[in-house]
N, C-alpha and C. Protein backbone atom coordinates (compact mmCIF):
# COMPACT_ATOMS: atom_id res chain seq x y z
N MET A 1 8.67 -18.63 -7.92
CA MET A 1 8.91 -17.14 -8.53
C MET A 1 9.07 -17.63 -9.54
N ALA A 2 8.98 -16.60 -10.07
CA ALA A 2 8.99 -16.24 -11.89
C ALA A 2 10.57 -15.78 -12.18
N THR A 3 10.79 -16.09 -13.46
CA THR A 3 12.11 -15.90 -14.01
C THR A 3 11.91 -14.51 -14.75
N THR A 4 13.40 -13.97 -15.06
CA THR A 4 13.06 -12.39 -15.63
C THR A 4 12.34 -13.06 -16.80
N GLN A 5 12.74 -14.08 -17.79
CA GLN A 5 12.55 -14.21 -18.72
C GLN A 5 11.12 -14.28 -19.04
N GLU A 6 10.18 -15.21 -17.61
CA GLU A 6 9.10 -15.02 -17.55
C GLU A 6 8.53 -14.13 -17.74
N TRP A 7 9.05 -12.85 -16.92
CA TRP A 7 8.24 -11.45 -16.34
C TRP A 7 8.49 -10.97 -18.11
N ILE A 8 9.47 -10.97 -18.91
CA ILE A 8 9.81 -10.66 -20.16
C ILE A 8 8.40 -10.86 -20.85
N ALA A 9 8.09 -12.16 -20.97
CA ALA A 9 7.01 -12.48 -21.69
C ALA A 9 5.81 -12.04 -21.25
N GLU A 10 5.63 -11.99 -20.18
CA GLU A 10 4.12 -12.11 -19.54
C GLU A 10 3.81 -10.42 -19.93
N ALA A 11 4.72 -9.33 -19.78
CA ALA A 11 4.95 -8.30 -20.29
C ALA A 11 4.58 -7.76 -21.81
N GLU A 12 6.01 -8.70 -22.52
CA GLU A 12 4.97 -8.68 -23.84
C GLU A 12 3.60 -9.00 -24.22
N VAL A 13 3.29 -10.14 -23.22
CA VAL A 13 1.64 -10.41 -23.51
C VAL A 13 0.89 -9.03 -23.11
N ILE A 14 1.00 -8.20 -22.51
CA ILE A 14 0.20 -7.50 -21.82
C ILE A 14 0.75 -6.12 -22.79
N LYS A 15 1.23 -5.98 -23.41
CA LYS A 15 1.54 -4.73 -24.54
C LYS A 15 0.98 -5.07 -25.39
N ALA A 16 0.81 -6.31 -25.90
CA ALA A 16 0.48 -6.61 -27.10
C ALA A 16 -1.11 -6.35 -27.05
N GLN A 17 -1.41 -6.88 -26.12
CA GLN A 17 -3.28 -7.11 -25.58
C GLN A 17 -3.89 -5.38 -25.50
N MET A 18 -2.66 -4.37 -25.26
CA MET A 18 -2.96 -2.92 -24.86
C MET A 18 -2.94 -2.20 -26.25
N LEU A 19 -2.23 -2.79 -27.02
CA LEU A 19 -1.84 -2.16 -28.66
C LEU A 19 -3.15 -2.49 -29.34
N ALA A 20 -3.89 -4.02 -29.27
CA ALA A 20 -4.24 -4.42 -29.94
C ALA A 20 -5.67 -3.36 -29.24
N GLY A 21 -5.69 -3.40 -28.25
CA GLY A 21 -7.14 -2.30 -28.08
C GLY A 21 -6.82 -1.24 -28.27
N GLY A 22 -6.00 -0.30 -28.71
CA GLY A 22 -5.87 0.79 -29.86
C GLY A 22 -4.83 1.70 -28.51
N GLY A 23 -4.69 0.92 -27.26
CA GLY A 23 -3.94 1.96 -26.49
C GLY A 23 -2.62 2.58 -26.79
N ALA A 24 -2.54 3.67 -26.17
CA ALA A 24 -0.67 4.65 -26.57
C ALA A 24 -0.92 5.19 -25.37
N PRO A 25 0.32 6.38 -25.82
CA PRO A 25 0.63 7.25 -24.16
C PRO A 25 -0.21 8.13 -24.61
N GLY A 26 -0.77 8.77 -23.63
CA GLY A 26 -1.36 9.96 -23.78
C GLY A 26 -2.05 10.09 -22.74
N VAL A 27 -3.34 10.97 -22.38
CA VAL A 27 -3.81 11.62 -20.98
C VAL A 27 -5.40 11.47 -21.41
N ALA A 28 -6.10 10.82 -20.41
CA ALA A 28 -7.24 10.49 -20.82
C ALA A 28 -8.34 11.60 -20.34
N THR A 29 -9.61 12.17 -21.09
CA THR A 29 -10.02 13.21 -20.99
C THR A 29 -11.36 12.85 -20.04
N ARG A 30 -11.49 14.19 -19.57
CA ARG A 30 -12.26 14.22 -18.01
C ARG A 30 -13.56 13.36 -18.47
N GLU A 31 -14.06 13.70 -19.73
CA GLU A 31 -14.90 12.46 -20.17
C GLU A 31 -14.90 11.27 -20.42
N GLN A 32 -14.55 10.78 -20.20
CA GLN A 32 -13.62 9.09 -20.54
C GLN A 32 -13.45 8.27 -19.52
N ILE A 33 -12.97 9.23 -18.27
CA ILE A 33 -13.45 8.87 -16.56
C ILE A 33 -14.07 9.06 -15.90
N ALA A 34 -14.98 10.21 -16.48
CA ALA A 34 -15.62 11.00 -15.21
C ALA A 34 -16.75 9.51 -14.38
N SER A 35 -17.38 8.78 -15.16
CA SER A 35 -17.94 7.79 -14.72
C SER A 35 -17.23 6.73 -14.14
N LEU A 36 -16.05 6.33 -14.28
CA LEU A 36 -15.10 5.46 -14.14
C LEU A 36 -14.83 5.48 -12.69
N SER A 37 -14.40 4.19 -11.43
CA SER A 37 -13.27 4.72 -10.71
C SER A 37 -12.19 4.28 -10.90
N GLY A 38 -11.12 4.62 -10.14
CA GLY A 38 -9.87 4.10 -10.45
C GLY A 38 -9.79 2.32 -10.87
N ILE A 39 -9.51 1.32 -10.63
CA ILE A 39 -10.02 -0.09 -10.91
C ILE A 39 -10.19 -0.16 -12.28
N GLU A 40 -11.34 0.40 -12.12
CA GLU A 40 -12.06 0.22 -13.53
C GLU A 40 -10.94 0.86 -14.66
N ILE A 41 -10.66 2.03 -13.78
CA ILE A 41 -9.49 3.21 -15.32
C ILE A 41 -8.27 2.18 -15.59
N PHE A 42 -7.73 1.40 -14.51
CA PHE A 42 -6.77 0.70 -14.57
C PHE A 42 -6.51 -0.89 -15.77
N LYS A 43 -7.88 -1.36 -15.09
CA LYS A 43 -8.44 -2.28 -16.24
C LYS A 43 -8.56 -1.73 -17.84
N MET A 44 -9.10 -1.00 -17.94
CA MET A 44 -9.45 -0.18 -19.33
C MET A 44 -8.11 0.20 -19.93
N ILE A 45 -7.04 1.14 -19.06
CA ILE A 45 -5.83 0.68 -19.56
C ILE A 45 -4.87 -0.68 -20.04
N LEU A 46 -4.85 -1.48 -19.11
CA LEU A 46 -4.69 -2.67 -19.44
C LEU A 46 -5.29 -3.50 -20.99
N THR A 47 -6.10 -3.15 -21.10
CA THR A 47 -7.42 -3.70 -22.39
C THR A 47 -7.20 -2.27 -23.45
N GLY A 48 -6.22 -1.37 -23.40
CA GLY A 48 -5.52 -0.59 -24.55
C GLY A 48 -7.02 0.44 -24.45
N LYS A 49 -7.99 0.68 -23.65
CA LYS A 49 -9.39 1.36 -23.91
C LYS A 49 -8.91 2.73 -23.44
N LEU A 50 -7.97 2.94 -22.70
CA LEU A 50 -7.55 4.20 -22.61
C LEU A 50 -5.98 4.33 -22.64
N PRO A 51 -5.35 5.86 -22.54
CA PRO A 51 -4.02 5.62 -22.47
C PRO A 51 -3.52 5.15 -21.49
N TYR A 52 -2.26 4.98 -22.01
CA TYR A 52 -1.20 4.92 -20.39
C TYR A 52 -0.14 5.83 -20.14
N ALA A 53 0.01 6.00 -19.09
CA ALA A 53 1.35 7.00 -18.71
C ALA A 53 2.38 7.64 -19.81
N THR A 54 2.75 8.54 -20.44
CA THR A 54 3.66 8.92 -21.44
C THR A 54 4.63 9.00 -20.69
N VAL A 55 4.99 9.24 -19.23
CA VAL A 55 6.21 8.83 -18.24
C VAL A 55 6.49 7.49 -18.70
N GLY A 56 5.98 6.22 -18.57
CA GLY A 56 6.34 5.32 -18.75
C GLY A 56 7.23 5.04 -19.92
N LYS A 57 6.97 5.36 -20.94
CA LYS A 57 7.52 5.52 -22.49
C LYS A 57 8.65 6.32 -22.36
N THR A 58 8.80 6.93 -21.74
CA THR A 58 9.92 7.96 -21.66
C THR A 58 11.15 7.32 -20.70
N LEU A 59 10.63 6.48 -19.41
CA LEU A 59 11.51 6.03 -18.77
C LEU A 59 11.29 4.35 -18.67
N ASP A 60 10.78 4.29 -19.81
CA ASP A 60 10.88 2.34 -20.23
C ASP A 60 10.70 1.80 -18.96
N TYR A 61 9.05 2.08 -18.02
CA TYR A 61 8.39 1.18 -17.71
C TYR A 61 7.14 0.64 -17.77
N SER A 62 6.01 -0.08 -17.74
CA SER A 62 4.73 -0.15 -18.43
C SER A 62 3.96 -0.88 -17.19
N LEU A 63 2.57 -0.85 -17.14
CA LEU A 63 1.97 -1.30 -16.25
C LEU A 63 1.94 -2.86 -16.60
N VAL A 64 1.98 -3.96 -15.68
CA VAL A 64 1.69 -5.24 -15.93
C VAL A 64 0.61 -6.06 -15.29
N SER A 65 -0.02 -4.99 -14.06
CA SER A 65 -0.97 -5.61 -13.07
C SER A 65 -1.69 -4.72 -12.53
N ALA A 66 -2.89 -4.76 -12.38
CA ALA A 66 -3.37 -3.72 -11.32
C ALA A 66 -4.79 -4.28 -10.90
N GLU A 67 -4.80 -4.66 -9.65
CA GLU A 67 -5.94 -5.41 -8.66
C GLU A 67 -6.33 -3.77 -7.42
N LEU A 68 -7.15 -4.19 -7.10
CA LEU A 68 -7.58 -3.43 -5.80
C LEU A 68 -6.60 -3.08 -4.80
N GLY A 69 -6.09 -2.19 -4.65
CA GLY A 69 -4.90 -1.99 -3.54
C GLY A 69 -3.87 -2.42 -3.93
N GLU A 70 -3.65 -2.62 -4.99
CA GLU A 70 -2.06 -2.97 -5.80
C GLU A 70 -2.19 -2.54 -7.35
N VAL A 71 -0.62 -2.41 -7.57
CA VAL A 71 -0.74 -2.05 -8.75
C VAL A 71 1.16 -2.29 -9.08
N ILE A 72 1.37 -3.24 -9.96
CA ILE A 72 2.78 -3.87 -10.58
C ILE A 72 2.75 -2.63 -11.99
N PHE A 73 4.31 -2.12 -12.14
CA PHE A 73 5.07 -1.79 -12.88
C PHE A 73 6.05 -2.94 -13.12
N GLN A 74 6.86 -2.49 -14.42
CA GLN A 74 7.60 -3.32 -14.83
C GLN A 74 8.71 -2.62 -15.90
N GLY A 75 9.79 -2.27 -15.08
CA GLY A 75 10.68 -1.80 -16.08
C GLY A 75 12.64 -2.26 -15.80
N SER A 76 12.86 -0.87 -17.05
CA SER A 76 14.17 -1.37 -17.25
C SER A 76 14.90 -0.31 -17.78
N PRO A 77 15.90 0.67 -16.29
CA PRO A 77 16.42 1.49 -16.20
C PRO A 77 17.90 1.45 -18.36
N GLN A 78 18.00 2.61 -18.33
CA GLN A 78 18.52 2.71 -19.65
C GLN A 78 19.94 3.49 -19.03
N ALA A 79 20.80 3.19 -20.03
CA ALA A 79 21.79 4.44 -20.11
C ALA A 79 22.23 5.53 -19.63
N ASN A 80 21.30 6.07 -20.82
CA ASN A 80 20.25 7.32 -20.37
C ASN A 80 19.74 8.14 -19.32
N PHE A 81 20.09 7.12 -18.34
CA PHE A 81 19.19 7.19 -16.85
C PHE A 81 20.49 7.77 -16.00
N LEU A 82 21.85 7.58 -16.16
CA LEU A 82 22.70 7.26 -15.71
C LEU A 82 23.66 8.62 -15.15
N ASN A 83 23.85 8.82 -14.00
CA ASN A 83 24.13 10.16 -13.11
C ASN A 83 25.65 10.01 -13.25
N PRO A 84 26.10 10.82 -13.18
CA PRO A 84 27.82 11.36 -13.60
C PRO A 84 28.68 9.92 -13.18
N MET A 85 28.08 9.53 -12.39
CA MET A 85 28.90 8.15 -11.50
C MET A 85 28.99 6.90 -12.24
N GLY A 86 28.03 6.91 -13.01
CA GLY A 86 27.87 5.98 -13.90
C GLY A 86 26.97 5.08 -13.49
N THR A 87 25.90 5.38 -12.12
CA THR A 87 25.04 4.79 -11.40
C THR A 87 23.47 4.86 -12.23
N VAL A 88 22.72 3.82 -11.78
CA VAL A 88 21.21 4.53 -12.18
C VAL A 88 20.60 5.79 -11.11
N HIS A 89 19.99 7.06 -11.73
CA HIS A 89 19.25 8.23 -11.14
C HIS A 89 18.84 7.84 -9.66
N GLY A 90 19.20 8.27 -8.91
CA GLY A 90 17.81 8.19 -7.53
C GLY A 90 16.32 8.92 -8.31
N GLY A 91 16.54 9.34 -9.28
CA GLY A 91 14.86 10.37 -10.08
C GLY A 91 14.50 8.26 -10.25
N TRP A 92 15.17 7.96 -11.36
CA TRP A 92 14.47 6.69 -11.79
C TRP A 92 13.86 5.63 -10.63
N TYR A 93 14.18 5.54 -9.86
CA TYR A 93 14.04 4.79 -8.85
C TYR A 93 12.62 5.39 -7.80
N GLY A 94 12.69 6.38 -7.63
CA GLY A 94 11.41 7.64 -7.25
C GLY A 94 10.37 7.55 -7.95
N THR A 95 10.56 7.82 -9.75
CA THR A 95 9.53 7.85 -10.46
C THR A 95 9.04 6.93 -10.75
N LEU A 96 10.02 5.24 -10.39
CA LEU A 96 8.82 4.32 -10.47
C LEU A 96 8.08 3.89 -9.26
N LEU A 97 9.03 4.11 -8.40
CA LEU A 97 7.91 4.21 -6.82
C LEU A 97 6.79 4.86 -6.29
N ASP A 98 6.83 6.05 -6.83
CA ASP A 98 5.51 7.48 -7.00
C ASP A 98 4.51 6.95 -7.97
N SER A 99 5.00 5.88 -9.17
CA SER A 99 3.97 5.64 -10.18
C SER A 99 2.84 4.55 -9.26
N ALA A 100 3.79 3.59 -9.12
CA ALA A 100 2.93 2.26 -8.31
C ALA A 100 2.79 2.35 -7.18
N MET A 101 3.06 3.37 -6.49
CA MET A 101 2.26 3.48 -4.81
C MET A 101 1.23 4.52 -4.90
N GLY A 102 1.24 5.53 -6.36
CA GLY A 102 0.32 6.27 -6.17
C GLY A 102 -0.97 5.88 -6.89
N CYS A 103 -0.46 4.38 -7.97
CA CYS A 103 -1.36 4.25 -8.83
C CYS A 103 -2.16 3.33 -7.92
N ALA A 104 -1.39 2.52 -7.29
CA ALA A 104 -2.01 1.46 -6.34
C ALA A 104 -3.28 2.16 -4.97
N VAL A 105 -2.93 3.26 -4.52
CA VAL A 105 -4.11 4.71 -4.10
C VAL A 105 -5.41 4.78 -5.45
N HIS A 106 -4.96 5.10 -6.61
CA HIS A 106 -5.82 5.39 -7.25
C HIS A 106 -6.80 3.88 -7.08
N THR A 107 -6.05 3.07 -7.79
CA THR A 107 -7.25 1.96 -7.47
C THR A 107 -9.03 1.60 -6.49
N MET A 108 -8.23 2.33 -5.70
CA MET A 108 -9.15 1.87 -4.55
C MET A 108 -10.30 3.79 -4.82
N VAL A 109 -10.24 4.53 -5.60
CA VAL A 109 -10.64 5.57 -5.58
C VAL A 109 -11.70 5.37 -6.15
N PRO A 110 -13.02 5.59 -5.51
CA PRO A 110 -14.42 5.65 -6.42
C PRO A 110 -14.62 6.86 -7.78
N ALA A 111 -15.64 6.42 -8.52
CA ALA A 111 -15.67 6.95 -9.33
C ALA A 111 -15.72 8.53 -9.01
N GLY A 112 -15.91 9.76 -10.08
CA GLY A 112 -15.87 11.32 -9.48
C GLY A 112 -14.86 11.92 -8.19
N ARG A 113 -13.60 11.15 -7.88
CA ARG A 113 -12.93 11.08 -6.79
C ARG A 113 -11.65 10.84 -7.25
N GLY A 114 -10.45 11.86 -6.92
CA GLY A 114 -9.22 11.68 -7.96
C GLY A 114 -8.15 11.81 -6.58
N PHE A 115 -7.05 11.79 -6.40
CA PHE A 115 -5.91 11.76 -5.71
C PHE A 115 -4.73 12.80 -6.50
N THR A 116 -4.11 12.73 -5.46
CA THR A 116 -2.61 13.49 -5.68
C THR A 116 -1.68 12.55 -4.49
N THR A 117 -0.21 12.64 -4.71
CA THR A 117 1.11 12.36 -3.85
C THR A 117 0.93 13.54 -3.27
N ALA A 118 0.75 13.55 -2.10
CA ALA A 118 1.50 14.60 -0.88
C ALA A 118 2.77 14.51 -0.79
N GLU A 119 2.95 13.38 -0.35
CA GLU A 119 4.52 13.39 0.23
C GLU A 119 5.08 11.94 -0.43
N TYR A 120 6.31 11.91 -0.63
CA TYR A 120 6.75 10.21 -0.67
C TYR A 120 8.57 9.85 -0.21
N SER A 121 8.69 8.77 0.66
CA SER A 121 10.00 8.73 0.96
C SER A 121 10.69 7.06 0.09
N VAL A 122 11.77 7.35 -0.12
CA VAL A 122 12.63 6.14 -1.20
C VAL A 122 13.83 5.93 -0.56
N ASN A 123 13.60 4.90 -0.63
CA ASN A 123 15.05 4.14 0.18
C ASN A 123 15.96 3.27 -0.85
N LEU A 124 16.62 3.66 -1.13
CA LEU A 124 17.82 2.99 -2.10
C LEU A 124 18.53 2.04 -1.20
N VAL A 125 18.62 1.05 -1.69
CA VAL A 125 19.11 0.05 -1.18
C VAL A 125 20.39 -0.96 -1.65
N ARG A 126 19.96 -1.36 -2.76
CA ARG A 126 20.60 -1.59 -3.95
C ARG A 126 21.03 -1.22 -5.33
N GLY A 127 21.71 -1.14 -6.04
CA GLY A 127 21.89 -0.44 -7.53
C GLY A 127 21.79 -1.06 -8.31
N ALA A 128 20.73 -0.73 -9.27
CA ALA A 128 19.88 -1.48 -10.33
C ALA A 128 20.82 -1.16 -11.67
N LYS A 129 21.25 -1.83 -12.35
CA LYS A 129 21.84 -2.40 -13.25
C LYS A 129 21.24 -2.06 -14.46
N VAL A 130 21.80 -0.96 -15.50
CA VAL A 130 21.25 -1.10 -16.91
C VAL A 130 20.69 -2.34 -17.89
N GLY A 131 19.87 -2.36 -18.35
CA GLY A 131 18.95 -3.09 -18.84
C GLY A 131 18.23 -4.44 -18.03
N GLY A 132 18.24 -4.64 -16.80
CA GLY A 132 17.89 -4.76 -15.92
C GLY A 132 16.57 -5.14 -15.73
N VAL A 133 15.79 -6.29 -15.11
CA VAL A 133 14.08 -5.81 -15.53
C VAL A 133 14.01 -6.28 -14.11
N TYR A 134 13.24 -5.27 -13.20
CA TYR A 134 12.67 -4.52 -12.40
C TYR A 134 11.18 -5.12 -12.25
N ARG A 135 10.90 -4.89 -11.17
CA ARG A 135 9.08 -4.99 -11.08
C ARG A 135 9.15 -3.74 -10.10
N THR A 136 8.03 -3.13 -10.02
CA THR A 136 7.60 -1.94 -8.85
C THR A 136 6.38 -2.39 -8.19
N ILE A 137 5.81 -2.70 -7.51
CA ILE A 137 5.17 -3.29 -6.66
C ILE A 137 4.58 -2.36 -5.35
N GLY A 138 3.42 -2.07 -6.02
CA GLY A 138 3.13 -0.74 -4.82
C GLY A 138 1.81 -0.81 -3.89
N LYS A 139 1.53 -1.48 -3.12
CA LYS A 139 0.47 -1.74 -2.10
C LYS A 139 -0.39 -0.21 -1.39
N VAL A 140 -1.39 -0.87 -1.15
CA VAL A 140 -2.38 0.38 0.08
C VAL A 140 -1.68 0.00 1.55
N VAL A 141 -1.74 0.47 2.31
CA VAL A 141 -1.31 0.22 3.60
C VAL A 141 -2.65 1.05 4.24
N HIS A 142 -3.45 2.11 3.79
CA HIS A 142 -4.39 2.80 4.08
C HIS A 142 -5.74 3.43 2.80
N ALA A 143 -6.46 3.53 2.87
CA ALA A 143 -7.32 4.35 2.16
C ALA A 143 -8.66 4.65 3.17
N GLY A 144 -8.87 6.05 3.60
CA GLY A 144 -9.75 6.49 4.18
C GLY A 144 -10.74 7.73 2.91
N ARG A 145 -11.25 8.28 3.74
CA ARG A 145 -12.05 9.40 2.32
C ARG A 145 -10.71 10.35 2.01
N GLN A 146 -10.24 11.41 2.86
CA GLN A 146 -9.69 12.43 2.61
C GLN A 146 -8.12 11.57 2.36
N MET A 147 -7.68 10.67 2.83
CA MET A 147 -5.87 10.87 2.90
C MET A 147 -6.26 9.09 2.65
N ALA A 148 -4.44 8.81 1.87
CA ALA A 148 -4.52 7.04 1.46
C ALA A 148 -3.01 6.97 2.21
N THR A 149 -2.42 5.80 2.73
CA THR A 149 -1.20 5.72 2.44
C THR A 149 -0.80 4.40 1.51
N ALA A 150 0.29 4.21 0.85
CA ALA A 150 1.07 3.04 0.52
C ALA A 150 2.10 2.88 0.34
N GLU A 151 3.01 1.45 -0.13
CA GLU A 151 4.41 1.31 0.13
C GLU A 151 4.43 0.84 -1.14
N GLY A 152 5.85 0.68 -1.29
CA GLY A 152 5.90 0.32 -3.07
C GLY A 152 6.98 -0.40 -2.53
N ARG A 153 7.88 -1.34 -3.08
CA ARG A 153 9.21 -2.25 -3.40
C ARG A 153 9.51 -1.90 -4.75
N ILE A 154 11.08 -1.91 -5.54
CA ILE A 154 11.14 -2.29 -6.56
C ILE A 154 12.73 -3.74 -5.91
N VAL A 155 12.07 -4.78 -7.17
CA VAL A 155 12.56 -6.20 -6.64
C VAL A 155 12.99 -6.41 -8.46
N ASP A 156 14.00 -7.40 -8.06
CA ASP A 156 14.33 -8.50 -9.33
C ASP A 156 13.03 -9.44 -9.86
N ALA A 157 13.68 -10.57 -10.54
CA ALA A 157 13.17 -11.70 -10.02
C ALA A 157 13.41 -12.60 -9.03
N ASP A 158 14.31 -12.37 -8.87
CA ASP A 158 14.50 -13.30 -6.98
C ASP A 158 14.15 -12.95 -6.26
N GLY A 159 13.67 -11.70 -5.91
CA GLY A 159 13.05 -11.09 -5.08
C GLY A 159 14.12 -10.25 -3.96
N LYS A 160 15.69 -9.76 -5.09
CA LYS A 160 15.75 -9.03 -4.25
C LYS A 160 15.37 -7.70 -3.98
N ILE A 161 15.58 -6.77 -2.79
CA ILE A 161 14.72 -5.43 -3.16
C ILE A 161 16.19 -4.15 -3.56
N TYR A 162 15.74 -3.62 -3.89
CA TYR A 162 16.71 -2.60 -4.64
C TYR A 162 15.96 -1.29 -4.22
N ALA A 163 14.70 -1.02 -3.80
CA ALA A 163 14.61 0.50 -3.49
C ALA A 163 13.19 0.15 -2.53
N HIS A 164 12.74 0.90 -1.89
CA HIS A 164 11.12 0.49 -0.87
C HIS A 164 11.22 1.95 -1.02
N GLY A 165 9.83 2.31 -0.87
CA GLY A 165 9.64 3.76 -0.34
C GLY A 165 7.82 3.68 0.23
N THR A 166 7.50 4.92 0.86
CA THR A 166 6.02 4.96 0.95
C THR A 166 5.74 6.35 0.35
N THR A 167 4.17 6.28 0.46
CA THR A 167 3.61 7.36 0.54
C THR A 167 2.66 8.09 1.29
N THR A 168 1.96 9.38 0.79
CA THR A 168 1.04 9.83 1.97
C THR A 168 0.04 10.61 0.16
N CYS A 169 -1.28 9.93 0.18
CA CYS A 169 -2.16 11.02 -1.13
C CYS A 169 -3.17 11.42 -0.11
N PHE A 170 -3.30 12.69 -1.00
CA PHE A 170 -4.52 13.26 -0.63
C PHE A 170 -5.58 13.04 -1.50
N LEU A 171 -6.74 12.94 -1.34
CA LEU A 171 -8.42 11.80 -2.17
C LEU A 171 -9.18 13.42 -2.43
N PHE A 172 -10.10 13.52 -3.15
CA PHE A 172 -10.96 14.94 -3.36
C PHE A 172 -11.51 14.12 -4.18
N ASP A 173 -12.76 15.07 -3.88
CA ASP A 173 -13.68 14.84 -5.46
C ASP A 173 -13.14 15.74 -7.02
N MET A 174 -13.34 15.21 -8.09
CA MET A 174 -12.69 15.60 -9.11
C MET A 174 -13.70 17.19 -9.16
N PRO A 175 -12.82 18.03 -10.06
CA PRO A 175 -14.11 19.43 -10.42
C PRO A 175 -14.60 18.98 -11.45
N LYS A 176 -15.99 19.66 -11.45
CA LYS A 176 -16.84 19.11 -12.24
C LYS A 176 -17.12 19.47 -13.78
């Protein structure tokens, strides 16, 4: 198992690779992605040839890995993500899980097809600490023609689970 410091170093290498390729937060155009499969899109994001999601910059998490059926993000909750009780707001966990699970589904989508989250469920099982380093791992359970399901976990470098969830996504033909 990797250490937190190894995770941080790995993420820094990936961020540098993305920046070297011209990567920045933003939205890809239809022309940029029309002929690309989902996994091709993620490989291009990782090399900086396509923009990465702006929500990652807002909530301080970034893509560290994308394989067919599995996506990993790394993030660190900040003090401005705390609820009035002083704990990390559930929306932080939900956003990371929705991103990882949905993006795992997206890696399975062929060119010309898209997806959207239909529903997702989140279970918080341990409180994340401000400044802690966590990975959110999304894995596809089933990918059909019209529907896909995935599961996700937020873990630390010791393998402790902080939250887990599931999602159902609709798959569709992208508008021309």
